[in-house]
């Protein structure tokens, strides 16, 4: 075993023991294959360099109505979520004076449904992959964080109503489609 593999195994063992599980469960667990490439190449889209950072969940209100555009053969909907953030000091929440803004992109069906459903002020929870987009304007480097949405949920706890039009999927039988009595 290489030194980094030993360190990885030791880290897993520490995590397992830290949550009270017995170390023997590691013996039966399969070891995942490691990727052969030591580096991940950044991908480019629309002349912007994108580096994927990880999963992110945000909750806040839409700053404006979503905007839709066509990118290649795909529909992309973009919107900004404003989130009230803060931190805990001695167990008490201290809110930041300026809210955090998150740029969100939703693609394909999710993007089309978001554009038809969401409006300014709606409370939403968005989960997706967060990455940094970089570009240049007049020789000056610019960048921003973007969440590429995989799920979007409307926050009904705020007392807002959202109408969603249900359509029977192509090929589905009418008997298989649910009927809701009002």
C-alpha atoms as a PDB file:
ATOM      1  CA  UNK A   1       0.000   0.000   0.000  1.00  0.00           C
ATOM      2  CA  UNK A   2       1.173   3.526  -0.788  1.00  0.00           C
ATOM      3  CA  UNK A   3       1.511   6.108   1.992  1.00  0.00           C
ATOM      4  CA  UNK A   4      -1.564   8.047   0.812  1.00  0.00           C
ATOM      5  CA  UNK A   5      -3.644   4.848   0.781  1.00  0.00           C
ATOM      6  CA  UNK A   6      -2.524   4.041   4.338  1.00  0.00           C
ATOM      7  CA  UNK A   7      -3.457   7.566   5.456  1.00  0.00           C
ATOM      8  CA  UNK A   8      -6.832   7.238   3.720  1.00  0.00           C
ATOM      9  CA  UNK A   9      -7.515   3.877   5.430  1.00  0.00           C
ATOM     10  CA  UNK A  10      -6.468   5.357   8.802  1.00  0.00           C
ATOM     11  CA  UNK A  11      -8.835   8.296   8.278  1.00  0.00           C
ATOM     12  CA  UNK A  12     -11.732   5.934   7.545  1.00  0.00           C
ATOM     13  CA  UNK A  13     -10.874   3.857  10.617  1.00  0.00           C
ATOM     14  CA  UNK A  14     -10.809   6.987  12.819  1.00  0.00           C
ATOM     15  CA  UNK A  15     -14.213   8.043  11.439  1.00  0.00           C
ATOM     16  CA  UNK A  16     -15.732   4.593  12.030  1.00  0.00           C
ATOM     17  CA  UNK A  17     -14.407   4.364  15.576  1.00  0.00           C
ATOM     18  CA  UNK A  18     -15.446   7.965  16.248  1.00  0.00           C
ATOM     19  CA  UNK A  19     -19.120   7.178  15.635  1.00  0.00           C
ATOM     20  CA  UNK A  20     -19.015   4.039  17.769  1.00  0.00           C
ATOM     21  CA  UNK A  21     -18.882   1.331  15.101  1.00  0.00           C
ATOM     22  CA  UNK A  22     -16.597  -1.670  15.383  1.00  0.00           C
ATOM     23  CA  UNK A  23     -13.560  -1.727  13.080  1.00  0.00           C
ATOM     24  CA  UNK A  24     -14.409  -5.238  11.818  1.00  0.00           C
ATOM     25  CA  UNK A  25     -17.051  -3.787   9.481  1.00  0.00           C
ATOM     26  CA  UNK A  26     -14.225  -2.414   7.334  1.00  0.00           C
ATOM     27  CA  UNK A  27     -13.020  -5.920   6.516  1.00  0.00           C
ATOM     28  CA  UNK A  28     -16.255  -6.749   4.696  1.00  0.00           C
ATOM     29  CA  UNK A  29     -16.530  -3.411   2.864  1.00  0.00           C
ATOM     30  CA  UNK A  30     -15.224  -3.365  -0.724  1.00  0.00           C
ATOM     31  CA  UNK A  31     -12.425  -0.923  -1.450  1.00  0.00           C
ATOM     32  CA  UNK A  32     -13.469   1.547  -4.161  1.00  0.00           C
ATOM     33  CA  UNK A  33     -11.229   1.905  -7.197  1.00  0.00           C
ATOM     34  CA  UNK A  34      -9.291   5.140  -7.354  1.00  0.00           C
ATOM     35  CA  UNK A  35      -9.310   7.200 -10.548  1.00  0.00           C
ATOM     36  CA  UNK A  36      -6.174   6.760 -12.623  1.00  0.00           C
ATOM     37  CA  UNK A  37      -5.849  10.454 -13.468  1.00  0.00           C
ATOM     38  CA  UNK A  38      -4.185  12.414 -10.647  1.00  0.00           C
ATOM     39  CA  UNK A  39      -5.681  15.732 -11.777  1.00  0.00           C
ATOM     40  CA  UNK A  40      -9.120  16.885 -12.823  1.00  0.00           C
ATOM     41  CA  UNK A  41      -9.148  19.107 -15.879  1.00  0.00           C
ATOM     42  CA  UNK A  42     -11.353  22.215 -15.682  1.00  0.00           C
ATOM     43  CA  UNK A  43     -14.080  22.270 -18.304  1.00  0.00           C
ATOM     44  CA  UNK A  44     -15.011  25.341 -20.297  1.00  0.00           C
ATOM     45  CA  UNK A  45     -18.440  26.645 -21.200  1.00  0.00           C
ATOM     46  CA  UNK A  46     -19.201  29.989 -22.865  1.00  0.00           C
ATOM     47  CA  UNK A  47     -15.607  31.194 -22.599  1.00  0.00           C
ATOM     48  CA  UNK A  48     -15.748  30.861 -18.813  1.00  0.00           C
ATOM     49  CA  UNK A  49     -13.545  28.531 -16.829  1.00  0.00           C
ATOM     50  CA  UNK A  50     -15.558  26.403 -14.451  1.00  0.00           C
ATOM     51  CA  UNK A  51     -14.172  24.474 -11.519  1.00  0.00           C
ATOM     52  CA  UNK A  52     -16.628  22.206  -9.737  1.00  0.00           C
ATOM     53  CA  UNK A  53     -16.432  22.447  -5.950  1.00  0.00           C
ATOM     54  CA  UNK A  54     -19.176  20.230  -4.543  1.00  0.00           C
ATOM     55  CA  UNK A  55     -22.785  19.893  -3.476  1.00  0.00           C
ATOM     56  CA  UNK A  56     -24.564  22.867  -1.998  1.00  0.00           C
ATOM     57  CA  UNK A  57     -28.003  23.503  -0.521  1.00  0.00           C
ATOM     58  CA  UNK A  58     -29.273  27.062  -0.249  1.00  0.00           C
ATOM     59  CA  UNK A  59     -32.532  28.474   1.074  1.00  0.00           C
ATOM     60  CA  UNK A  60     -33.812  31.967   0.432  1.00  0.00           C
ATOM     61  CA  UNK A  61     -36.034  34.168  -1.726  1.00  0.00           C
ATOM     62  CA  UNK A  62     -35.861  34.933  -5.443  1.00  0.00           C
ATOM     63  CA  UNK A  63     -34.495  38.444  -6.063  1.00  0.00           C
ATOM     64  CA  UNK A  64     -36.275  38.695  -9.452  1.00  0.00           C
ATOM     65  CA  UNK A  65     -38.247  36.563 -11.892  1.00  0.00           C
ATOM     66  CA  UNK A  66     -36.153  33.800 -13.502  1.00  0.00           C
ATOM     67  CA  UNK A  67     -34.661  34.497 -16.942  1.00  0.00           C
ATOM     68  CA  UNK A  68     -34.578  31.835 -19.644  1.00  0.00           C
ATOM     69  CA  UNK A  69     -32.067  31.524 -22.504  1.00  0.00           C
ATOM     70  CA  UNK A  70     -30.999  28.913 -25.017  1.00  0.00           C
ATOM     71  CA  UNK A  71     -27.474  27.544 -24.677  1.00  0.00           C
ATOM     72  CA  UNK A  72     -26.428  25.153 -27.431  1.00  0.00           C
ATOM     73  CA  UNK A  73     -29.463  22.835 -27.744  1.00  0.00           C
ATOM     74  CA  UNK A  74     -30.387  23.216 -24.076  1.00  0.00           C
ATOM     75  CA  UNK A  75     -32.731  25.566 -22.217  1.00  0.00           C
ATOM     76  CA  UNK A  76     -31.076  27.311 -19.265  1.00  0.00           C
ATOM     77  CA  UNK A  77     -32.951  29.273 -16.616  1.00  0.00           C
ATOM     78  CA  UNK A  78     -31.006  31.600 -14.337  1.00  0.00           C
ATOM     79  CA  UNK A  79     -32.098  33.355 -11.174  1.00  0.00           C
ATOM     80  CA  UNK A  80     -30.661  34.848  -7.995  1.00  0.00           C
ATOM     81  CA  UNK A  81     -31.530  33.566  -4.518  1.00  0.00           C
ATOM     82  CA  UNK A  82     -31.035  35.975  -1.615  1.00  0.00           C
ATOM     83  CA  UNK A  83     -30.231  34.179   1.647  1.00  0.00           C
ATOM     84  CA  UNK A  84     -30.059  35.656   5.127  1.00  0.00           C
ATOM     85  CA  UNK A  85     -26.877  34.299   6.669  1.00  0.00           C
ATOM     86  CA  UNK A  86     -25.092  34.635   9.961  1.00  0.00           C
ATOM     87  CA  UNK A  87     -23.020  32.803  12.502  1.00  0.00           C
ATOM     88  CA  UNK A  88     -23.258  31.731  16.111  1.00  0.00           C
ATOM     89  CA  UNK A  89     -21.381  33.685  18.774  1.00  0.00           C
ATOM     90  CA  UNK A  90     -21.447  32.058  22.216  1.00  0.00           C
ATOM     91  CA  UNK A  91     -24.501  30.050  21.171  1.00  0.00           C
ATOM     92  CA  UNK A  92     -26.495  33.048  19.938  1.00  0.00           C
ATOM     93  CA  UNK A  93     -27.187  33.761  16.241  1.00  0.00           C
ATOM     94  CA  UNK A  94     -25.639  36.952  14.871  1.00  0.00           C
ATOM     95  CA  UNK A  95     -27.069  37.831  11.451  1.00  0.00           C
ATOM     96  CA  UNK A  96     -24.973  39.448   8.729  1.00  0.00           C
ATOM     97  CA  UNK A  97     -26.179  42.924   7.758  1.00  0.00           C
ATOM     98  CA  UNK A  98     -25.985  42.241   4.022  1.00  0.00           C
ATOM     99  CA  UNK A  99     -27.688  39.058   2.736  1.00  0.00           C
ATOM    100  CA  UNK A 100     -25.767  36.539   0.649  1.00  0.00           C
ATOM    101  CA  UNK A 101     -26.717  36.287  -3.035  1.00  0.00           C
ATOM    102  CA  UNK A 102     -26.438  33.010  -4.930  1.00  0.00           C
ATOM    103  CA  UNK A 103     -26.515  32.747  -8.731  1.00  0.00           C
ATOM    104  CA  UNK A 104     -28.443  29.632  -9.805  1.00  0.00           C
ATOM    105  CA  UNK A 105     -28.664  27.859 -13.185  1.00  0.00           C
ATOM    106  CA  UNK A 106     -31.288  25.218 -13.931  1.00  0.00           C
ATOM    107  CA  UNK A 107     -31.086  23.232 -17.172  1.00  0.00           C
ATOM    108  CA  UNK A 108     -33.450  21.229 -19.380  1.00  0.00           C
ATOM    109  CA  UNK A 109     -36.815  20.272 -17.879  1.00  0.00           C
ATOM    110  CA  UNK A 110     -35.956  21.609 -14.425  1.00  0.00           C
ATOM    111  CA  UNK A 111     -35.062  24.969 -15.959  1.00  0.00           C
ATOM    112  CA  UNK A 112     -38.234  25.163 -18.055  1.00  0.00           C
ATOM    113  CA  UNK A 113     -40.423  24.296 -15.047  1.00  0.00           C
ATOM    114  CA  UNK A 114     -38.590  26.808 -12.836  1.00  0.00           C
ATOM    115  CA  UNK A 115     -39.170  29.568 -15.409  1.00  0.00           C
ATOM    116  CA  UNK A 116     -42.892  28.745 -15.595  1.00  0.00           C
ATOM    117  CA  UNK A 117     -43.406  28.346 -11.841  1.00  0.00           C
ATOM    118  CA  UNK A 118     -41.121  30.652  -9.853  1.00  0.00           C
ATOM    119  CA  UNK A 119     -41.596  34.389  -9.364  1.00  0.00           C
ATOM    120  CA  UNK A 120     -39.815  37.191  -7.518  1.00  0.00           C
ATOM    121  CA  UNK A 121     -40.134  36.822  -3.746  1.00  0.00           C
ATOM    122  CA  UNK A 122     -40.868  33.083  -3.764  1.00  0.00           C
ATOM    123  CA  UNK A 123     -39.076  31.189  -1.033  1.00  0.00           C
ATOM    124  CA  UNK A 124     -37.059  28.280  -2.457  1.00  0.00           C
ATOM    125  CA  UNK A 125     -34.602  25.613  -1.422  1.00  0.00           C
ATOM    126  CA  UNK A 126     -32.076  24.753  -4.145  1.00  0.00           C
ATOM    127  CA  UNK A 127     -29.655  21.833  -4.140  1.00  0.00           C
ATOM    128  CA  UNK A 128     -26.936  21.464  -6.741  1.00  0.00           C
ATOM    129  CA  UNK A 129     -23.277  21.534  -7.650  1.00  0.00           C
ATOM    130  CA  UNK A 130     -21.443  24.744  -6.875  1.00  0.00           C
ATOM    131  CA  UNK A 131     -18.643  25.990  -9.106  1.00  0.00           C
ATOM    132  CA  UNK A 132     -16.736  29.161  -9.912  1.00  0.00           C
ATOM    133  CA  UNK A 133     -17.075  30.889 -13.282  1.00  0.00           C
ATOM    134  CA  UNK A 134     -14.173  33.113 -14.356  1.00  0.00           C
ATOM    135  CA  UNK A 135     -13.984  35.538 -17.281  1.00  0.00           C
ATOM    136  CA  UNK A 136     -12.316  38.789 -18.309  1.00  0.00           C
ATOM    137  CA  UNK A 137     -13.847  42.209 -18.940  1.00  0.00           C
ATOM    138  CA  UNK A 138     -11.522  44.873 -20.355  1.00  0.00           C
ATOM    139  CA  UNK A 139      -8.505  42.841 -19.241  1.00  0.00           C
ATOM    140  CA  UNK A 140      -9.737  42.524 -15.640  1.00  0.00           C
ATOM    141  CA  UNK A 141     -10.446  39.089 -14.193  1.00  0.00           C
ATOM    142  CA  UNK A 142     -14.005  38.562 -12.944  1.00  0.00           C
ATOM    143  CA  UNK A 143     -15.516  35.583 -11.150  1.00  0.00           C
ATOM    144  CA  UNK A 144     -18.660  34.445  -9.386  1.00  0.00           C
ATOM    145  CA  UNK A 145     -19.999  31.375  -7.643  1.00  0.00           C
ATOM    146  CA  UNK A 146     -22.836  29.524  -9.420  1.00  0.00           C
ATOM    147  CA  UNK A 147     -25.041  26.679  -8.190  1.00  0.00           C
ATOM    148  CA  UNK A 148     -26.091  24.350 -11.025  1.00  0.00           C
ATOM    149  CA  UNK A 149     -29.438  23.147  -9.645  1.00  0.00           C
ATOM    150  CA  UNK A 150     -30.353  19.475  -9.459  1.00  0.00           C
ATOM    151  CA  UNK A 151     -33.488  20.082  -7.343  1.00  0.00           C
ATOM    152  CA  UNK A 152     -35.618  23.145  -6.640  1.00  0.00           C
ATOM    153  CA  UNK A 153     -38.315  23.163  -3.952  1.00  0.00           C
ATOM    154  CA  UNK A 154     -40.797  25.941  -3.240  1.00  0.00           C
ATOM    155  CA  UNK A 155     -41.044  26.803   0.474  1.00  0.00           C
ATOM    156  CA  UNK A 156     -44.737  26.458   1.299  1.00  0.00           C
ATOM    157  CA  UNK A 157     -44.073  27.336   4.959  1.00  0.00           C
ATOM    158  CA  UNK A 158     -44.065  30.998   3.935  1.00  0.00           C
ATOM    159  CA  UNK A 159     -47.763  30.803   3.045  1.00  0.00           C
ATOM    160  CA  UNK A 160     -47.218  31.321  -0.677  1.00  0.00           C
ATOM    161  CA  UNK A 161     -49.175  29.463  -3.314  1.00  0.00           C
ATOM    162  CA  UNK A 162     -47.633  28.050  -6.458  1.00  0.00           C
ATOM    163  CA  UNK A 163     -49.613  26.480  -9.282  1.00  0.00           C
ATOM    164  CA  UNK A 164     -48.024  23.579 -11.110  1.00  0.00           C
ATOM    165  CA  UNK A 165     -49.665  22.138 -14.212  1.00  0.00           C
ATOM    166  CA  UNK A 166     -49.539  18.344 -14.171  1.00  0.00           C
ATOM    167  CA  UNK A 167     -49.218  16.653 -17.543  1.00  0.00           C
ATOM    168  CA  UNK A 168     -49.574  12.967 -18.187  1.00  0.00           C
ATOM    169  CA  UNK A 169     -46.236  11.566 -19.403  1.00  0.00           C
ATOM    170  CA  UNK A 170     -46.172  10.337 -23.001  1.00  0.00           C
ATOM    171  CA  UNK A 171     -47.126   6.674 -23.123  1.00  0.00           C
ATOM    172  CA  UNK A 172     -48.758   6.639 -19.669  1.00  0.00           C
ATOM    173  CA  UNK A 173     -52.223   5.158 -19.527  1.00  0.00           C
ATOM    174  CA  UNK A 174     -55.019   7.318 -18.155  1.00  0.00           C
ATOM    175  CA  UNK A 175     -55.811   4.630 -15.568  1.00  0.00           C
ATOM    176  CA  UNK A 176     -52.251   4.936 -14.224  1.00  0.00           C
ATOM    177  CA  UNK A 177     -52.483   8.719 -13.817  1.00  0.00           C
ATOM    178  CA  UNK A 178     -53.624   9.879 -10.345  1.00  0.00           C
ATOM    179  CA  UNK A 179     -56.952  11.654  -9.913  1.00  0.00           C
ATOM    180  CA  UNK A 180     -57.236  14.267  -7.162  1.00  0.00           C
ATOM    181  CA  UNK A 181     -60.679  15.094  -5.777  1.00  0.00           C
ATOM    182  CA  UNK A 182     -61.104  18.627  -4.502  1.00  0.00           C
END
